[in-house]
Amino acid sequence: MNDSSLAPWLQLQIQAKAKGGGRIMGVFLYSLFLGRAEELISIMENSFPEVGLRMENCVESNWVESMAYPASGFVTAKDMNFLLDRTPLTNGRYKTKSDYATEPISQTALHGIWERFNAKGIQTVQLVLIPYGGKMNKFSETDTPSPHRARYPIKIAYYVTWDTPEGDSRHLEWTRELYDYMTPFVSKSPRAAYVNYRDLDIGRNNEEGIPRSYEEASVWGLKYFGDNFERLVEVKTKVDPYNLFRPEQSIPPVAAQVKISSGHDVPCDKMEYLPNLIGLAM
């Protein structure tokens, strides 16, 4: 859907829960539309009639209320206290990995996913498909740090939750196997990932927060930011040359690269910064 009024959040969530030795499967469809419910129903009837959207399926709200609705676990859009409550909706353990599909997901891929959702010993798993499009396609891949626009029509999240540390290994292995299985069906060179679903399987800095090499940081940098990664390195070098801010998958300054390659500290005023710096927010 490319209607300019439709916010690009049409979420298809397939969920499987373990119960009584079996599995309960469910599909959840959630969308955010900037307009009246009548307008949305008309668009959906023309573009996606298979859904069968009706007025009773719609919740009209202002913008703040639309954020409270998912924060409440999709219970109510009227209680703003959910936006102030910092209590997690779940206290369990979880792992999230992400992908981007550059073409429709094939039936072969979906069958393989479905088979893996039936795996024994895995508690709750979710496949979340979030189509992009609409207003997002009006921005180029270089307008913001996140480059995933028209060339990446579907964002995919693999999400698994469990209760106890004893299940860590089993559930992490399941998630990684599913991710490996999806390799032929998603973006390539690089295999893109969504930066807000931090995936330390991709790579991470050492214990001091310093990239072992500039090339190593490029592995996650290119997945998250594409060609914008180099521009972010320029910004990082300008505003944080000593790498004060360094989470597990930070953007490295050029200074860190020089130090690793030469073995000597290079004063900031002696650094050769790259030209034509573009003001890109970190």
Protein backbone atom coordinates (compact mmCIF):
# COMPACT_ATOMS: atom_id res chain seq x y z
CA MET A 1 0.00 0.00 0.00
CA ASN A 2 1.39 3.34 -1.01
CA ASP A 3 -1.41 5.69 -0.02
CA SER A 4 0.24 8.83 1.37
CA SER A 5 -2.14 8.92 4.36
CA LEU A 6 -1.24 5.43 5.49
CA ALA A 7 1.49 5.32 8.10
CA PRO A 8 3.83 2.42 7.26
CA TRP A 9 2.84 0.21 10.16
CA LEU A 10 0.82 -2.76 9.06
CA GLN A 11 2.02 -5.42 11.43
CA LEU A 12 1.36 -9.09 10.82
CA GLN A 13 2.29 -11.06 13.89
CA ILE A 14 2.26 -14.85 13.86
CA GLN A 15 2.57 -16.17 17.38
CA ALA A 16 3.00 -19.68 18.71
CA LYS A 17 2.78 -20.54 22.40
CA ALA A 18 3.57 -23.82 24.06
CA LYS A 19 0.60 -25.13 26.05
CA GLY A 20 -0.09 -28.58 27.44
CA GLY A 21 2.53 -30.20 25.24
CA GLY A 22 1.06 -28.66 22.08
CA ARG A 23 1.16 -25.30 20.30
CA ILE A 24 -1.37 -22.48 20.03
CA MET A 25 -0.99 -20.49 16.81
CA GLY A 26 -2.40 -17.00 16.32
CA VAL A 27 -2.22 -14.21 13.74
CA PHE A 28 -2.50 -10.57 14.77
CA LEU A 29 -2.93 -7.69 12.30
CA TYR A 30 -2.27 -4.13 13.48
CA SER A 31 -2.14 -0.94 11.43
CA LEU A 32 -1.76 2.78 12.05
CA PHE A 33 -3.65 5.14 9.72
CA LEU A 34 -3.49 8.94 9.74
CA GLY A 35 -7.14 9.79 9.08
CA ARG A 36 -10.69 8.73 9.81
CA ALA A 37 -11.78 5.11 10.08
CA GLU A 38 -14.13 5.49 7.10
CA GLU A 39 -11.21 6.51 4.89
CA LEU A 40 -9.15 3.53 6.00
CA ILE A 41 -11.97 1.07 5.36
CA SER A 42 -12.38 2.45 1.84
CA ILE A 43 -8.64 2.10 1.13
CA MET A 44 -8.53 -1.42 2.54
CA GLU A 45 -11.57 -2.52 0.52
CA ASN A 46 -9.78 -1.46 -2.65
CA SER A 47 -6.23 -2.53 -1.78
CA PHE A 48 -6.54 -5.45 0.66
CA PRO A 49 -10.14 -6.77 0.67
CA GLU A 50 -9.00 -10.16 2.00
CA VAL A 51 -8.67 -8.65 5.48
CA GLY A 52 -12.38 -7.80 5.66
CA LEU A 53 -11.80 -4.71 7.81
CA ARG A 54 -14.92 -3.35 9.52
CA MET A 55 -15.71 -0.29 11.61
CA GLU A 56 -15.75 -2.32 14.85
CA ASN A 57 -12.14 -3.32 14.16
CA CYS A 58 -10.99 0.32 14.27
CA VAL A 59 -10.04 2.48 17.25
CA GLU A 60 -10.00 6.21 16.56
CA SER A 61 -7.58 8.17 18.73
CA ASN A 62 -5.29 11.15 18.80
CA TRP A 63 -1.56 10.66 18.31
CA VAL A 64 -0.67 10.25 21.99
CA GLU A 65 -3.46 7.74 22.49
CA SER A 66 -2.22 5.76 19.49
CA MET A 67 1.07 5.28 21.36
CA ALA A 68 -0.70 4.27 24.57
CA TYR A 69 -2.57 1.50 22.73
CA PRO A 70 0.47 -0.74 22.01
CA ALA A 71 2.01 0.28 25.35
CA SER A 72 -1.05 -1.21 27.07
CA GLY A 73 -0.60 -4.50 25.26
CA PHE A 74 -3.33 -3.47 22.77
CA VAL A 75 -5.96 -3.24 25.51
CA THR A 76 -6.92 0.44 25.56
CA ALA A 77 -6.00 3.73 23.91
CA LYS A 78 -7.56 5.89 26.61
CA ASP A 79 -5.34 5.28 29.65
CA MET A 80 -2.27 7.53 29.44
CA ASN A 81 -0.82 5.96 32.58
CA PHE A 82 0.57 3.17 30.42
CA LEU A 83 3.01 5.71 28.96
CA LEU A 84 4.24 6.58 32.47
CA ASP A 85 4.40 3.04 33.82
CA ARG A 86 7.93 1.68 33.40
CA THR A 87 6.95 -1.84 34.41
CA PRO A 88 7.76 -4.21 31.51
CA LEU A 89 4.84 -6.05 29.93
CA THR A 90 6.88 -9.21 30.44
CA ASN A 91 9.66 -10.04 32.90
CA GLY A 92 10.92 -13.03 30.96
CA ARG A 93 13.97 -13.51 28.79
CA TYR A 94 13.98 -12.80 25.08
CA LYS A 95 15.99 -12.62 21.88
CA THR A 96 15.22 -10.56 18.78
CA LYS A 97 16.82 -10.73 15.35
CA SER A 98 15.81 -8.79 12.25
CA ASP A 99 15.88 -8.86 8.47
CA TYR A 100 14.61 -6.93 5.49
CA ALA A 101 12.92 -8.59 2.52
CA THR A 102 13.45 -6.91 -0.85
CA GLU A 103 10.72 -8.97 -2.55
CA PRO A 104 7.59 -10.85 -1.43
CA ILE A 105 8.32 -13.67 1.00
CA SER A 106 7.85 -16.95 -0.83
CA GLN A 107 5.55 -19.79 0.21
CA THR A 108 8.64 -21.95 0.57
CA ALA A 109 10.04 -19.57 3.17
CA LEU A 110 6.73 -19.36 5.02
CA HIS A 111 6.38 -23.15 5.13
CA GLY A 112 9.86 -23.44 6.61
CA ILE A 113 9.05 -20.81 9.22
CA TRP A 114 5.83 -22.59 10.12
CA GLU A 115 7.66 -25.87 10.62
CA ARG A 116 10.14 -24.21 12.96
CA PHE A 117 7.33 -22.60 14.95
CA ASN A 118 6.24 -26.11 15.87
CA ALA A 119 9.61 -26.97 17.41
CA LYS A 120 9.38 -28.75 20.76
CA GLY A 121 10.80 -27.14 23.86
CA ILE A 122 10.40 -23.56 22.58
CA GLN A 123 8.01 -21.36 24.57
CA THR A 124 6.69 -18.31 22.71
CA VAL A 125 7.89 -17.28 19.27
CA GLN A 126 6.76 -14.46 17.02
CA LEU A 127 7.33 -13.52 13.41
CA VAL A 128 6.53 -9.84 12.90
CA LEU A 129 6.20 -8.51 9.35
CA ILE A 130 6.07 -4.72 9.05
CA PRO A 131 5.61 -3.44 5.48
CA TYR A 132 7.23 -0.14 4.65
CA GLY A 133 5.97 2.26 2.01
CA GLY A 134 3.59 5.21 1.95
CA LYS A 135 5.23 8.41 3.17
CA MET A 136 8.48 6.60 3.97
CA ASN A 137 9.21 6.18 0.28
CA LYS A 138 9.28 9.96 -0.15
CA PHE A 139 12.58 10.08 1.74
CA SER A 140 15.81 8.95 0.14
CA GLU A 141 18.11 6.42 1.78
CA THR A 142 20.55 9.21 2.66
CA ASP A 143 18.07 11.60 4.31
CA THR A 144 18.38 9.91 7.72
CA PRO A 145 20.88 7.48 9.24
CA SER A 146 18.47 4.58 8.72
CA PRO A 147 18.62 3.81 4.98
CA HIS A 148 15.87 1.22 4.66
CA ARG A 149 13.25 2.83 2.43
CA ALA A 150 11.81 1.93 -0.98
CA ARG A 151 14.31 -0.86 -1.68
CA TYR A 152 13.33 -2.65 1.55
CA PRO A 153 9.54 -3.07 1.48
CA ILE A 154 9.25 -5.51 4.42
CA LYS A 155 10.92 -5.46 7.81
CA ILE A 156 11.04 -8.82 9.59
CA ALA A 157 11.47 -9.45 13.31
CA TYR A 158 12.09 -12.87 14.84
CA TYR A 159 11.18 -12.70 18.49
CA VAL A 160 11.35 -15.50 21.06
CA THR A 161 10.65 -15.36 24.81
CA TRP A 162 11.16 -17.84 27.64
CA ASP A 163 11.11 -17.85 31.43
CA THR A 164 14.29 -19.26 32.95
CA PRO A 165 18.07 -19.18 32.41
CA GLU A 166 17.99 -22.93 31.83
CA GLY A 167 16.28 -22.25 28.51
CA ASP A 168 18.86 -19.75 27.26
CA SER A 169 20.91 -22.05 25.07
CA ARG A 170 17.93 -23.85 23.55
CA HIS A 171 16.04 -20.68 22.61
CA LEU A 172 19.09 -18.79 21.35
CA GLU A 173 20.05 -21.70 19.12
CA TRP A 174 16.49 -21.86 17.77
CA THR A 175 16.54 -18.17 16.87
CA ARG A 176 19.92 -18.42 15.15
CA GLU A 177 18.87 -21.48 13.17
CA LEU A 178 15.74 -19.67 11.94
CA TYR A 179 17.89 -16.68 10.98
CA ASP A 180 20.26 -18.94 9.04
CA TYR A 181 17.32 -20.61 7.29
CA MET A 182 16.03 -17.22 6.08
CA THR A 183 19.32 -16.29 4.37
CA PRO A 184 18.16 -17.00 0.77
CA PHE A 185 14.90 -15.07 1.24
CA VAL A 186 16.13 -11.69 2.52
CA SER A 187 18.40 -8.79 1.56
CA LYS A 188 22.02 -9.41 0.67
CA SER A 189 25.37 -7.56 0.43
CA PRO A 190 24.88 -6.53 3.16
CA ARG A 191 22.15 -8.50 4.85
CA ALA A 192 20.35 -5.51 6.37
CA ALA A 193 19.22 -5.30 10.00
CA TYR A 194 17.08 -2.87 12.01
CA VAL A 195 19.18 -0.82 14.42
CA ASN A 196 16.52 -0.72 17.17
CA TYR A 197 16.65 -4.52 17.40
CA ARG A 198 20.27 -4.68 18.52
CA ASP A 199 21.66 -8.09 17.61
CA LEU A 200 25.00 -8.83 19.24
CA ASP A 201 25.31 -12.01 17.16
CA ILE A 202 26.39 -9.70 14.34
CA GLY A 203 29.44 -8.55 16.31
CA ARG A 204 30.39 -6.29 19.17
CA ASN A 205 33.20 -4.18 20.59
CA ASN A 206 35.67 -5.67 23.03
CA GLU A 207 35.17 -5.44 26.79
CA GLU A 208 36.56 -1.91 26.89
CA GLY A 209 34.04 -0.83 24.25
CA ILE A 210 36.71 -0.31 21.59
CA PRO A 211 36.28 -1.89 18.15
CA ARG A 212 39.00 -4.43 17.52
CA SER A 213 39.25 -2.95 14.05
CA TYR A 214 37.45 -0.48 11.86
CA GLU A 215 36.58 -3.35 9.53
CA GLU A 216 34.94 -5.23 12.39
CA ALA A 217 32.71 -2.27 13.24
CA SER A 218 31.78 -2.04 9.56
CA VAL A 219 30.08 -5.44 9.81
CA TRP A 220 27.25 -4.14 11.98
CA GLY A 221 27.56 -0.56 10.72
CA LEU A 222 26.76 -1.51 7.13
CA LYS A 223 23.90 -3.80 8.19
CA TYR A 224 22.26 -1.06 10.24
CA PHE A 225 23.14 2.04 8.21
CA GLY A 226 24.19 0.92 4.72
CA ASP A 227 26.18 3.57 2.86
CA ASN A 228 25.35 6.08 5.62
CA PHE A 229 27.80 4.28 7.90
CA GLU A 230 30.79 6.15 6.45
CA ARG A 231 29.06 9.48 6.96
CA LEU A 232 28.24 8.55 10.55
CA VAL A 233 31.92 7.75 11.09
CA GLU A 234 32.74 11.27 9.91
CA VAL A 235 30.25 12.76 12.37
CA LYS A 236 31.52 10.53 15.19
CA THR A 237 35.11 11.57 14.50
CA LYS A 238 34.14 15.23 14.71
CA VAL A 239 31.97 15.18 17.83
CA ASP A 240 33.44 12.25 19.81
CA PRO A 241 37.02 11.63 18.60
CA TYR A 242 38.01 9.88 21.85
CA ASN A 243 35.06 7.45 21.62
CA LEU A 244 33.53 8.41 24.98
CA PHE A 245 30.14 7.02 23.94
CA ARG A 246 30.71 3.38 23.04
CA PRO A 247 27.94 0.83 23.50
CA GLU A 248 28.47 -2.72 22.29
CA GLN A 249 27.93 -1.77 18.63
CA SER A 250 29.07 1.84 18.52
CA ILE A 251 30.09 3.92 15.54
CA PRO A 252 33.91 4.15 15.65
CA PRO A 253 35.78 7.43 15.21
CA VAL A 254 38.63 7.52 12.73
CA ALA A 255 40.90 8.14 15.72
CA ALA A 256 40.21 4.61 16.98
CA GLN A 257 41.22 3.20 13.61
CA VAL A 258 44.47 5.16 13.57
CA LYS A 259 45.32 4.06 17.09
CA ILE A 260 44.74 0.40 16.26
CA SER A 261 46.77 0.50 13.06
CA SER A 262 49.69 2.58 14.33
CA GLY A 263 49.77 1.65 18.00
CA HIS A 264 50.09 5.33 19.00
CA ASP A 265 47.64 7.96 20.18
CA VAL A 266 47.07 10.71 17.64
CA PRO A 267 46.05 14.13 19.05
CA CYS A 268 42.70 15.36 17.75
CA ASP A 269 44.20 18.51 16.26
CA LYS A 270 46.53 16.32 14.17
CA MET A 271 43.75 14.14 12.76
CA GLU A 272 42.91 14.44 9.09
CA TYR A 273 39.14 14.57 9.06
CA LEU A 274 37.29 13.55 5.93
CA PRO A 275 36.04 16.50 3.80
CA ASN A 276 32.48 17.50 2.99
CA LEU A 277 31.07 16.53 6.34
CA ILE A 278 27.29 16.15 6.15
CA GLY A 279 25.34 17.06 9.27
CA LEU A 280 23.75 13.71 10.01
CA ALA A 281 22.25 13.06 13.42
CA MET A 282 23.75 10.09 15.27
